[in-house]
Amino acid sequence: MRIVIHGHYSLERGKQLINLIRDAAKAAGRTRVLLDARDVPQPMPAVDAYDLGQLAAEAFRGLRVADIDPVDATDGLAETVARNRGINGRMFASEPEALAWLLGEAP
């Protein structure tokens, strides 16, 4: 399942998106999700990355999630928080890297 995210970042929007993505994947019976956030131009603040990483880890249980986000992938805080809480997800700067991981078996 591929989901493209557009527009400007806000914490509330991020929380809503996480829940919408979870619900869409479950409704479609998908376990692998490719998020494309390349059209979200600004980075999220560190405190938001922490909060969203926690929420994503809880919401995305049972999913394998690759997030193409060149802006936030370089920092990695959201990914670190989520992975420390058990998410099977990673952030990537490019689509080929994200797809290779998403479709592969490596953790």
PDB file of N, CA and C in Angstrom:
ATOM      1  N   MET A   1       0.849  -1.161   0.000  1.00  0.00           N
ATOM      2  CA  MET A   1       0.000   0.000   0.000  1.00  0.00           C
ATOM      3  C   MET A   1       0.900   1.232   0.000  1.00  0.00           C
ATOM      4  N   ARG A   2       0.612   2.158  -0.882  1.00  0.00           N
ATOM      5  CA  ARG A   2       1.383   3.400  -0.981  1.00  0.00           C
ATOM      6  C   ARG A   2       0.481   4.557  -0.585  1.00  0.00           C
ATOM      7  N   ILE A   3       0.988   5.418   0.303  1.00  0.00           N
ATOM      8  CA  ILE A   3       0.251   6.598   0.744  1.00  0.00           C
ATOM      9  C   ILE A   3       1.147   7.805   0.558  1.00  0.00           C
ATOM     10  N   VAL A   4       0.649   8.799  -0.172  1.00  0.00           N
ATOM     11  CA  VAL A   4       1.409  10.026  -0.427  1.00  0.00           C
ATOM     12  C   VAL A   4       0.847  11.130   0.464  1.00  0.00           C
ATOM     13  N   ILE A   5       1.740  11.803   1.176  1.00  0.00           N
ATOM     14  CA  ILE A   5       1.353  12.855   2.107  1.00  0.00           C
ATOM     15  C   ILE A   5       1.784  14.197   1.537  1.00  0.00           C
ATOM     16  N   HIS A   6       0.854  15.148   1.486  1.00  0.00           N
ATOM     17  CA  HIS A   6       1.113  16.490   0.957  1.00  0.00           C
ATOM     18  C   HIS A   6       0.819  17.531   2.025  1.00  0.00           C
ATOM     19  N   GLY A   7       1.323  18.736   1.811  1.00  0.00           N
ATOM     20  CA  GLY A   7       0.937  19.863   2.650  1.00  0.00           C
ATOM     21  C   GLY A   7       1.921  20.167   3.753  1.00  0.00           C
ATOM     22  N   HIS A   8       1.497  21.043   4.617  1.00  0.00           N
ATOM     23  CA  HIS A   8       2.356  21.509   5.696  1.00  0.00           C
ATOM     24  C   HIS A   8       2.187  20.651   6.933  1.00  0.00           C
ATOM     25  N   TYR A   9       3.246  20.568   7.706  1.00  0.00           N
ATOM     26  CA  TYR A   9       3.271  19.747   8.905  1.00  0.00           C
ATOM     27  C   TYR A   9       2.603  20.460  10.076  1.00  0.00           C
ATOM     28  N   SER A  10       1.873  19.694  10.863  1.00  0.00           N
ATOM     29  CA  SER A  10       1.444  20.111  12.204  1.00  0.00           C
ATOM     30  C   SER A  10       1.319  18.843  13.042  1.00  0.00           C
ATOM     31  N   LEU A  11       1.459  18.983  14.343  1.00  0.00           N
ATOM     32  CA  LEU A  11       1.377  17.829  15.232  1.00  0.00           C
ATOM     33  C   LEU A  11       0.005  17.162  15.142  1.00  0.00           C
ATOM     34  N   GLU A  12      -1.052  17.954  15.161  1.00  0.00           N
ATOM     35  CA  GLU A  12      -2.395  17.378  15.083  1.00  0.00           C
ATOM     36  C   GLU A  12      -2.608  16.633  13.769  1.00  0.00           C
ATOM     37  N   ARG A  13      -2.133  17.213  12.685  1.00  0.00           N
ATOM     38  CA  ARG A  13      -2.253  16.552  11.384  1.00  0.00           C
ATOM     39  C   ARG A  13      -1.465  15.239  11.388  1.00  0.00           C
ATOM     40  N   GLY A  14      -0.287  15.258  11.981  1.00  0.00           N
ATOM     41  CA  GLY A  14       0.512  14.042  12.068  1.00  0.00           C
ATOM     42  C   GLY A  14      -0.194  12.938  12.830  1.00  0.00           C
ATOM     43  N   LYS A  15      -0.823  13.287  13.951  1.00  0.00           N
ATOM     44  CA  LYS A  15      -1.570  12.303  14.738  1.00  0.00           C
ATOM     45  C   LYS A  15      -2.742  11.743  13.934  1.00  0.00           C
ATOM     46  N   GLN A  16      -3.464  12.621  13.253  1.00  0.00           N
ATOM     47  CA  GLN A  16      -4.598  12.169  12.442  1.00  0.00           C
ATOM     48  C   GLN A  16      -4.135  11.239  11.325  1.00  0.00           C
ATOM     49  N   LEU A  17      -3.028  11.593  10.679  1.00  0.00           N
ATOM     50  CA  LEU A  17      -2.510  10.778   9.576  1.00  0.00           C
ATOM     51  C   LEU A  17      -2.116   9.384  10.046  1.00  0.00           C
ATOM     52  N   ILE A  18      -1.472   9.295  11.189  1.00  0.00           N
ATOM     53  CA  ILE A  18      -1.077   7.988  11.705  1.00  0.00           C
ATOM     54  C   ILE A  18      -2.301   7.095  11.879  1.00  0.00           C
ATOM     55  N   ASN A  19      -3.346   7.634  12.445  1.00  0.00           N
ATOM     56  CA  ASN A  19      -4.562   6.842  12.646  1.00  0.00           C
ATOM     57  C   ASN A  19      -5.248   6.502  11.329  1.00  0.00           C
ATOM     58  N   LEU A  20      -5.283   7.448  10.379  1.00  0.00           N
ATOM     59  CA  LEU A  20      -5.877   7.177   9.067  1.00  0.00           C
ATOM     60  C   LEU A  20      -5.090   6.105   8.317  1.00  0.00           C
ATOM     61  N   ILE A  21      -3.771   6.165   8.395  1.00  0.00           N
ATOM     62  CA  ILE A  21      -2.922   5.186   7.722  1.00  0.00           C
ATOM     63  C   ILE A  21      -3.159   3.795   8.312  1.00  0.00           C
ATOM     64  N   ARG A  22      -3.192   3.714   9.635  1.00  0.00           N
ATOM     65  CA  ARG A  22      -3.463   2.433  10.297  1.00  0.00           C
ATOM     66  C   ARG A  22      -4.805   1.864   9.853  1.00  0.00           C
ATOM     67  N   ASP A  23      -5.832   2.709   9.870  1.00  0.00           N
ATOM     68  CA  ASP A  23      -7.174   2.255   9.505  1.00  0.00           C
ATOM     69  C   ASP A  23      -7.247   1.828   8.041  1.00  0.00           C
ATOM     70  N   ALA A  24      -6.591   2.567   7.151  1.00  0.00           N
ATOM     71  CA  ALA A  24      -6.608   2.239   5.719  1.00  0.00           C
ATOM     72  C   ALA A  24      -5.898   0.911   5.461  1.00  0.00           C
ATOM     73  N   ALA A  25      -4.762   0.688   6.118  1.00  0.00           N
ATOM     74  CA  ALA A  25      -4.028  -0.565   5.935  1.00  0.00           C
ATOM     75  C   ALA A  25      -4.849  -1.754   6.432  1.00  0.00           C
ATOM     76  N   LYS A  26      -5.470  -1.597   7.579  1.00  0.00           N
ATOM     77  CA  LYS A  26      -6.286  -2.688   8.119  1.00  0.00           C
ATOM     78  C   LYS A  26      -7.492  -2.960   7.231  1.00  0.00           C
ATOM     79  N   ALA A  27      -8.150  -1.904   6.774  1.00  0.00           N
ATOM     80  CA  ALA A  27      -9.339  -2.081   5.917  1.00  0.00           C
ATOM     81  C   ALA A  27      -8.982  -2.774   4.609  1.00  0.00           C
ATOM     82  N   ALA A  28      -7.770  -2.508   4.094  1.00  0.00           N
ATOM     83  CA  ALA A  28      -7.348  -3.110   2.839  1.00  0.00           C
ATOM     84  C   ALA A  28      -6.662  -4.463   3.042  1.00  0.00           C
ATOM     85  N   GLY A  29      -6.449  -4.844   4.294  1.00  0.00           N
ATOM     86  CA  GLY A  29      -5.785  -6.116   4.578  1.00  0.00           C
ATOM     87  C   GLY A  29      -4.310  -6.095   4.232  1.00  0.00           C
ATOM     88  N   ARG A  30      -3.694  -4.932   4.297  1.00  0.00           N
ATOM     89  CA  ARG A  30      -2.270  -4.797   3.950  1.00  0.00           C
ATOM     90  C   ARG A  30      -1.400  -4.822   5.199  1.00  0.00           C
ATOM     91  N   THR A  31      -0.209  -5.397   5.058  1.00  0.00           N
ATOM     92  CA  THR A  31       0.737  -5.420   6.168  1.00  0.00           C
ATOM     93  C   THR A  31       2.003  -4.624   5.867  1.00  0.00           C
ATOM     94  N   ARG A  32       2.151  -4.200   4.630  1.00  0.00           N
ATOM     95  CA  ARG A  32       3.313  -3.387   4.240  1.00  0.00           C
ATOM     96  C   ARG A  32       2.813  -2.064   3.690  1.00  0.00           C
ATOM     97  N   VAL A  33       3.396  -0.971   4.222  1.00  0.00           N
ATOM     98  CA  VAL A  33       2.944   0.363   3.844  1.00  0.00           C
ATOM     99  C   VAL A  33       4.149   1.222   3.473  1.00  0.00           C
ATOM    100  N   LEU A  34       4.046   1.888   2.325  1.00  0.00           N
ATOM    101  CA  LEU A  34       5.052   2.850   1.888  1.00  0.00           C
ATOM    102  C   LEU A  34       4.448   4.239   2.047  1.00  0.00           C
ATOM    103  N   LEU A  35       5.042   5.033   2.920  1.00  0.00           N
ATOM    104  CA  LEU A  35       4.613   6.417   3.116  1.00  0.00           C
ATOM    105  C   LEU A  35       5.556   7.318   2.332  1.00  0.00           C
ATOM    106  N   ASP A  36       5.004   8.219   1.564  1.00  0.00           N
ATOM    107  CA  ASP A  36       5.810   9.155   0.784  1.00  0.00           C
ATOM    108  C   ASP A  36       5.534  10.567   1.290  1.00  0.00           C
ATOM    109  N   ALA A  37       6.445  11.084   2.105  1.00  0.00           N
ATOM    110  CA  ALA A  37       6.283  12.413   2.714  1.00  0.00           C
ATOM    111  C   ALA A  37       7.225  13.433   2.077  1.00  0.00           C
ATOM    112  N   ARG A  38       7.637  13.174   0.840  1.00  0.00           N
ATOM    113  CA  ARG A  38       8.575  14.101   0.186  1.00  0.00           C
ATOM    114  C   ARG A  38       7.964  15.463  -0.091  1.00  0.00           C
ATOM    115  N   ASP A  39       6.640  15.570  -0.112  1.00  0.00           N
ATOM    116  CA  ASP A  39       5.989  16.856  -0.366  1.00  0.00           C
ATOM    117  C   ASP A  39       5.640  17.616   0.910  1.00  0.00           C
ATOM    118  N   VAL A  40       6.162  17.173   2.030  1.00  0.00           N
ATOM    119  CA  VAL A  40       6.004  17.910   3.293  1.00  0.00           C
ATOM    120  C   VAL A  40       7.342  18.608   3.536  1.00  0.00           C
ATOM    121  N   PRO A  41       7.396  19.921   3.278  1.00  0.00           N
ATOM    122  CA  PRO A  41       8.679  20.607   3.182  1.00  0.00           C
ATOM    123  C   PRO A  41       9.428  20.886   4.482  1.00  0.00           C
ATOM    124  N   GLN A  42       8.736  21.043   5.592  1.00  0.00           N
ATOM    125  CA  GLN A  42       9.440  21.443   6.801  1.00  0.00           C
ATOM    126  C   GLN A  42       9.635  20.271   7.746  1.00  0.00           C
ATOM    127  N   PRO A  43      10.736  20.273   8.493  1.00  0.00           N
ATOM    128  CA  PRO A  43      10.959  19.195   9.466  1.00  0.00           C
ATOM    129  C   PRO A  43      10.039  19.362  10.674  1.00  0.00           C
ATOM    130  N   MET A  44       9.773  18.247  11.342  1.00  0.00           N
ATOM    131  CA  MET A  44       8.975  18.332  12.556  1.00  0.00           C
ATOM    132  C   MET A  44       9.895  18.663  13.732  1.00  0.00           C
ATOM    133  N   PRO A  45       9.410  19.428  14.694  1.00  0.00           N
ATOM    134  CA  PRO A  45      10.208  19.711  15.891  1.00  0.00           C
ATOM    135  C   PRO A  45      10.523  18.424  16.650  1.00  0.00           C
ATOM    136  N   ALA A  46      11.625  18.425  17.382  1.00  0.00           N
ATOM    137  CA  ALA A  46      12.072  17.221  18.090  1.00  0.00           C
ATOM    138  C   ALA A  46      11.016  16.691  19.058  1.00  0.00           C
ATOM    139  N   VAL A  47      10.351  17.570  19.773  1.00  0.00           N
ATOM    140  CA  VAL A  47       9.341  17.107  20.732  1.00  0.00           C
ATOM    141  C   VAL A  47       8.191  16.426  19.995  1.00  0.00           C
ATOM    142  N   ASP A  48       7.836  16.909  18.808  1.00  0.00           N
ATOM    143  CA  ASP A  48       6.791  16.272  18.010  1.00  0.00           C
ATOM    144  C   ASP A  48       7.268  14.931  17.476  1.00  0.00           C
ATOM    145  N   ALA A  49       8.529  14.860  17.055  1.00  0.00           N
ATOM    146  CA  ALA A  49       9.075  13.597  16.549  1.00  0.00           C
ATOM    147  C   ALA A  49       8.997  12.531  17.628  1.00  0.00           C
ATOM    148  N   TYR A  50       9.259  12.907  18.856  1.00  0.00           N
ATOM    149  CA  TYR A  50       9.171  11.968  19.970  1.00  0.00           C
ATOM    150  C   TYR A  50       7.731  11.484  20.147  1.00  0.00           C
ATOM    151  N   ASP A  51       6.792  12.429  20.199  1.00  0.00           N
ATOM    152  CA  ASP A  51       5.382  12.078  20.393  1.00  0.00           C
ATOM    153  C   ASP A  51       4.843  11.219  19.246  1.00  0.00           C
ATOM    154  N   LEU A  52       5.159  11.606  18.003  1.00  0.00           N
ATOM    155  CA  LEU A  52       4.659  10.854  16.846  1.00  0.00           C
ATOM    156  C   LEU A  52       5.328   9.488  16.734  1.00  0.00           C
ATOM    157  N   GLY A  53       6.596   9.403  17.130  1.00  0.00           N
ATOM    158  CA  GLY A  53       7.278   8.109  17.141  1.00  0.00           C
ATOM    159  C   GLY A  53       6.605   7.139  18.098  1.00  0.00           C
ATOM    160  N   GLN A  54       6.209   7.634  19.267  1.00  0.00           N
ATOM    161  CA  GLN A  54       5.494   6.790  20.237  1.00  0.00           C
ATOM    162  C   GLN A  54       4.141   6.348  19.684  1.00  0.00           C
ATOM    163  N   LEU A  55       3.397   7.283  19.117  1.00  0.00           N
ATOM    164  CA  LEU A  55       2.075   6.971  18.578  1.00  0.00           C
ATOM    165  C   LEU A  55       2.174   5.990  17.407  1.00  0.00           C
ATOM    166  N   ALA A  56       3.139   6.216  16.527  1.00  0.00           N
ATOM    167  CA  ALA A  56       3.309   5.334  15.366  1.00  0.00           C
ATOM    168  C   ALA A  56       3.641   3.913  15.809  1.00  0.00           C
ATOM    169  N   ALA A  57       4.488   3.780  16.814  1.00  0.00           N
ATOM    170  CA  ALA A  57       4.858   2.442  17.291  1.00  0.00           C
ATOM    171  C   ALA A  57       3.627   1.681  17.773  1.00  0.00           C
ATOM    172  N   GLU A  58       2.734   2.371  18.433  1.00  0.00           N
ATOM    173  CA  GLU A  58       1.509   1.740  18.933  1.00  0.00           C
ATOM    174  C   GLU A  58       0.519   1.466  17.794  1.00  0.00           C
ATOM    175  N   ALA A  59       0.308   2.463  16.940  1.00  0.00           N
ATOM    176  CA  ALA A  59      -0.700   2.364  15.880  1.00  0.00           C
ATOM    177  C   ALA A  59      -0.307   1.377  14.785  1.00  0.00           C
ATOM    178  N   PHE A  60       0.974   1.259  14.497  1.00  0.00           N
ATOM    179  CA  PHE A  60       1.422   0.449  13.366  1.00  0.00           C
ATOM    180  C   PHE A  60       1.850  -0.960  13.751  1.00  0.00           C
ATOM    181  N   ARG A  61       1.454  -1.425  14.918  1.00  0.00           N
ATOM    182  CA  ARG A  61       1.781  -2.813  15.299  1.00  0.00           C
ATOM    183  C   ARG A  61       1.216  -3.763  14.257  1.00  0.00           C
ATOM    184  N   GLY A  62       2.026  -4.718  13.849  1.00  0.00           N
ATOM    185  CA  GLY A  62       1.601  -5.682  12.843  1.00  0.00           C
ATOM    186  C   GLY A  62       1.835  -5.216  11.414  1.00  0.00           C
ATOM    187  N   LEU A  63       2.330  -3.996  11.253  1.00  0.00           N
ATOM    188  CA  LEU A  63       2.624  -3.462   9.917  1.00  0.00           C
ATOM    189  C   LEU A  63       4.128  -3.298   9.738  1.00  0.00           C
ATOM    190  N   ARG A  64       4.563  -3.373   8.504  1.00  0.00           N
ATOM    191  CA  ARG A  64       5.936  -3.026   8.124  1.00  0.00           C
ATOM    192  C   ARG A  64       5.803  -1.716   7.353  1.00  0.00           C
ATOM    193  N   VAL A  65       6.430  -0.648   7.858  1.00  0.00           N
ATOM    194  CA  VAL A  65       6.215   0.689   7.322  1.00  0.00           C
ATOM    195  C   VAL A  65       7.546   1.319   6.914  1.00  0.00           C
ATOM    196  N   ALA A  66       7.628   1.727   5.646  1.00  0.00           N
ATOM    197  CA  ALA A  66       8.779   2.479   5.143  1.00  0.00           C
ATOM    198  C   ALA A  66       8.309   3.893   4.845  1.00  0.00           C
ATOM    199  N   ASP A  67       9.022   4.877   5.366  1.00  0.00           N
ATOM    200  CA  ASP A  67       8.653   6.286   5.232  1.00  0.00           C
ATOM    201  C   ASP A  67       9.734   7.011   4.435  1.00  0.00           C
ATOM    202  N   ILE A  68       9.361   7.506   3.251  1.00  0.00           N
ATOM    203  CA  ILE A  68      10.292   8.306   2.449  1.00  0.00           C
ATOM    204  C   ILE A  68      10.150   9.744   2.924  1.00  0.00           C
ATOM    205  N   ASP A  69      11.155  10.222   3.628  1.00  0.00           N
ATOM    206  CA  ASP A  69      11.106  11.557   4.219  1.00  0.00           C
ATOM    207  C   ASP A  69      12.524  12.106   4.301  1.00  0.00           C
ATOM    208  N   PRO A  70      13.016  12.702   3.198  1.00  0.00           N
ATOM    209  CA  PRO A  70      14.395  13.170   3.193  1.00  0.00           C
ATOM    210  C   PRO A  70      14.684  14.236   4.239  1.00  0.00           C
ATOM    211  N   VAL A  71      13.669  15.007   4.628  1.00  0.00           N
ATOM    212  CA  VAL A  71      13.871  16.068   5.617  1.00  0.00           C
ATOM    213  C   VAL A  71      14.099  15.480   7.005  1.00  0.00           C
ATOM    214  N   ASP A  72      13.243  14.550   7.429  1.00  0.00           N
ATOM    215  CA  ASP A  72      13.339  14.005   8.780  1.00  0.00           C
ATOM    216  C   ASP A  72      14.205  12.750   8.886  1.00  0.00           C
ATOM    217  N   ALA A  73      14.504  12.107   7.774  1.00  0.00           N
ATOM    218  CA  ALA A  73      15.324  10.883   7.816  1.00  0.00           C
ATOM    219  C   ALA A  73      16.742  11.177   8.286  1.00  0.00           C
ATOM    220  N   THR A  74      17.245  12.376   8.010  1.00  0.00           N
ATOM    221  CA  THR A  74      18.610  12.695   8.405  1.00  0.00           C
ATOM    222  C   THR A  74      18.748  12.808   9.917  1.00  0.00           C
ATOM    223  N   ASP A  75      17.709  13.233  10.591  1.00  0.00           N
ATOM    224  CA  ASP A  75      17.724  13.361  12.053  1.00  0.00           C
ATOM    225  C   ASP A  75      17.471  12.009  12.710  1.00  0.00           C
ATOM    226  N   GLY A  76      16.424  11.329  12.284  1.00  0.00           N
ATOM    227  CA  GLY A  76      16.135   9.972  12.742  1.00  0.00           C
ATOM    228  C   GLY A  76      15.500   9.839  14.108  1.00  0.00           C
ATOM    229  N   LEU A  77      15.137  10.945  14.764  1.00  0.00           N
ATOM    230  CA  LEU A  77      14.587  10.846  16.112  1.00  0.00           C
ATOM    231  C   LEU A  77      13.268  10.077  16.133  1.00  0.00           C
ATOM    232  N   ALA A  78      12.350  10.403  15.239  1.00  0.00           N
ATOM    233  CA  ALA A  78      11.058   9.712  15.228  1.00  0.00           C
ATOM    234  C   ALA A  78      11.255   8.215  14.997  1.00  0.00           C
ATOM    235  N   GLU A  79      12.151   7.869  14.081  1.00  0.00           N
ATOM    236  CA  GLU A  79      12.410   6.448  13.811  1.00  0.00           C
ATOM    237  C   GLU A  79      13.002   5.761  15.037  1.00  0.00           C
ATOM    238  N   THR A  80      13.959   6.408  15.685  1.00  0.00           N
ATOM    239  CA  THR A  80      14.588   5.817  16.870  1.00  0.00           C
ATOM    240  C   THR A  80      13.570   5.581  17.976  1.00  0.00           C
ATOM    241  N   VAL A  81      12.732   6.579  18.231  1.00  0.00           N
ATOM    242  CA  VAL A  81      11.699   6.443  19.268  1.00  0.00           C
ATOM    243  C   VAL A  81      10.762   5.287  18.926  1.00  0.00           C
ATOM    244  N   ALA A  82      10.290   5.248  17.689  1.00  0.00           N
ATOM    245  CA  ALA A  82       9.346   4.206  17.273  1.00  0.00           C
ATOM    246  C   ALA A  82       9.991   2.819  17.317  1.00  0.00           C
ATOM    247  N   ARG A  83      11.224   2.716  16.842  1.00  0.00           N
ATOM    248  CA  ARG A  83      11.893   1.404  16.837  1.00  0.00           C
ATOM    249  C   ARG A  83      12.178   0.917  18.251  1.00  0.00           C
ATOM    250  N   ASN A  84      12.501   1.837  19.144  1.00  0.00           N
ATOM    251  CA  ASN A  84      12.726   1.458  20.545  1.00  0.00           C
ATOM    252  C   ASN A  84      11.447   0.947  21.200  1.00  0.00           C
ATOM    253  N   ARG A  85      10.313   1.255  20.592  1.00  0.00           N
ATOM    254  CA  ARG A  85       9.026   0.817  21.118  1.00  0.00           C
ATOM    255  C   ARG A  85       8.416  -0.305  20.274  1.00  0.00           C
ATOM    256  N   GLY A  86       9.222  -0.880  19.385  1.00  0.00           N
ATOM    257  CA  GLY A  86       8.809  -2.092  18.706  1.00  0.00           C
ATOM    258  C   GLY A  86       8.255  -1.967  17.297  1.00  0.00           C
ATOM    259  N   ILE A  87       8.268  -0.785  16.701  1.00  0.00           N
ATOM    260  CA  ILE A  87       7.738  -0.661  15.341  1.00  0.00           C
ATOM    261  C   ILE A  87       8.637  -1.401  14.355  1.00  0.00           C
ATOM    262  N   ASN A  88       8.030  -1.985  13.361  1.00  0.00           N
ATOM    263  CA  ASN A  88       8.765  -2.572  12.246  1.00  0.00           C
ATOM    264  C   ASN A  88       8.722  -1.521  11.138  1.00  0.00           C
ATOM    265  N   GLY A  89       9.504  -0.472  11.322  1.00  0.00           N
ATOM    266  CA  GLY A  89       9.482   0.640  10.381  1.00  0.00           C
ATOM    267  C   GLY A  89      10.807   1.352  10.319  1.00  0.00           C
ATOM    268  N   ARG A  90      11.018   2.011   9.193  1.00  0.00           N
ATOM    269  CA  ARG A  90      12.248   2.771   8.966  1.00  0.00           C
ATOM    270  C   ARG A  90      11.936   4.007   8.163  1.00  0.00           C
ATOM    271  N   MET A  91      12.799   5.024   8.280  1.00  0.00           N
ATOM    272  CA  MET A  91      12.706   6.241   7.472  1.00  0.00           C
ATOM    273  C   MET A  91      13.857   6.237   6.473  1.00  0.00           C
ATOM    274  N   PHE A  92      13.572   6.710   5.262  1.00  0.00           N
ATOM    275  CA  PHE A  92      14.559   6.714   4.193  1.00  0.00           C
ATOM    276  C   PHE A  92      14.557   8.050   3.474  1.00  0.00           C
ATOM    277  N   ALA A  93      15.700   8.380   2.889  1.00  0.00           N
ATOM    278  CA  ALA A  93      15.817   9.613   2.111  1.00  0.00           C
ATOM    279  C   ALA A  93      15.377   9.402   0.668  1.00  0.00           C
ATOM    280  N   SER A  94      15.346   8.148   0.202  1.00  0.00           N
ATOM    281  CA  SER A  94      14.997   7.905  -1.207  1.00  0.00           C
ATOM    282  C   SER A  94      14.034   6.734  -1.341  1.00  0.00           C
ATOM    283  N   GLU A  95      13.283   6.751  -2.437  1.00  0.00           N
ATOM    284  CA  GLU A  95      12.307   5.691  -2.692  1.00  0.00           C
ATOM    285  C   GLU A  95      12.952   4.336  -2.956  1.00  0.00           C
ATOM    286  N   PRO A  96      14.026   4.252  -3.756  1.00  0.00           N
ATOM    287  CA  PRO A  96      14.622   2.926  -3.984  1.00  0.00           C
ATOM    288  C   PRO A  96      15.066   2.237  -2.685  1.00  0.00           C
ATOM    289  N   GLU A  97      15.652   2.988  -1.775  1.00  0.00           N
ATOM    290  CA  GLU A  97      16.059   2.415  -0.483  1.00  0.00           C
ATOM    291  C   GLU A  97      14.840   1.928   0.296  1.00  0.00           C
ATOM    292  N   ALA A  98      13.810   2.751   0.320  1.00  0.00           N
ATOM    293  CA  ALA A  98      12.596   2.412   1.064  1.00  0.00           C
ATOM    294  C   ALA A  98      11.933   1.141   0.506  1.00  0.00           C
ATOM    295  N   LEU A  99      11.820   1.070  -0.810  1.00  0.00           N
ATOM    296  CA  LEU A  99      11.195  -0.101  -1.427  1.00  0.00           C
ATOM    297  C   LEU A  99      12.025  -1.366  -1.206  1.00  0.00           C
ATOM    298  N   ALA A 100      13.347  -1.253  -1.311  1.00  0.00           N
ATOM    299  CA  ALA A 100      14.206  -2.419  -1.104  1.00  0.00           C
ATOM    300  C   ALA A 100      14.013  -2.976   0.306  1.00  0.00           C
ATOM    301  N   TRP A 101      13.955  -2.099   1.296  1.00  0.00           N
ATOM    302  CA  TRP A 101      13.762  -2.551   2.667  1.00  0.00           C
ATOM    303  C   TRP A 101      12.327  -3.091   2.853  1.00  0.00           C
ATOM    304  N   LEU A 102      11.347  -2.355   2.363  1.00  0.00           N
ATOM    305  CA  LEU A 102       9.946  -2.732   2.565  1.00  0.00           C
ATOM    306  C   LEU A 102       9.630  -4.096   1.966  1.00  0.00           C
ATOM    307  N   LEU A 103      10.156  -4.369   0.788  1.00  0.00           N
ATOM    308  CA  LEU A 103       9.856  -5.613   0.099  1.00  0.00           C
ATOM    309  C   LEU A 103      10.802  -6.747   0.474  1.00  0.00           C
ATOM    310  N   GLY A 104      11.869  -6.405   1.194  1.00  0.00           N
ATOM    311  CA  GLY A 104      12.830  -7.414   1.626  1.00  0.00           C
ATOM    312  C   GLY A 104      12.442  -8.017   2.960  1.00  0.00           C
ATOM    313  N   GLU A 105      13.344  -8.759   3.511  1.00  0.00           N
ATOM    314  CA  GLU A 105      13.089  -9.429   4.784  1.00  0.00           C
ATOM    315  C   GLU A 105      13.951  -8.873   5.912  1.00  0.00           C
ATOM    316  N   ALA A 106      14.900  -7.993   5.598  1.00  0.00           N
ATOM    317  CA  ALA A 106      15.806  -7.478   6.623  1.00  0.00           C
ATOM    318  C   ALA A 106      15.032  -6.626   7.624  1.00  0.00           C
ATOM    319  N   PRO A 107      15.418  -6.696   8.904  1.00  0.00           N
ATOM    320  CA  PRO A 107      14.735  -5.890   9.929  1.00  0.00           C
ATOM    321  C   PRO A 107      15.022  -4.391   9.774  1.00  0.00           C
TER     322      PRO A 107
END
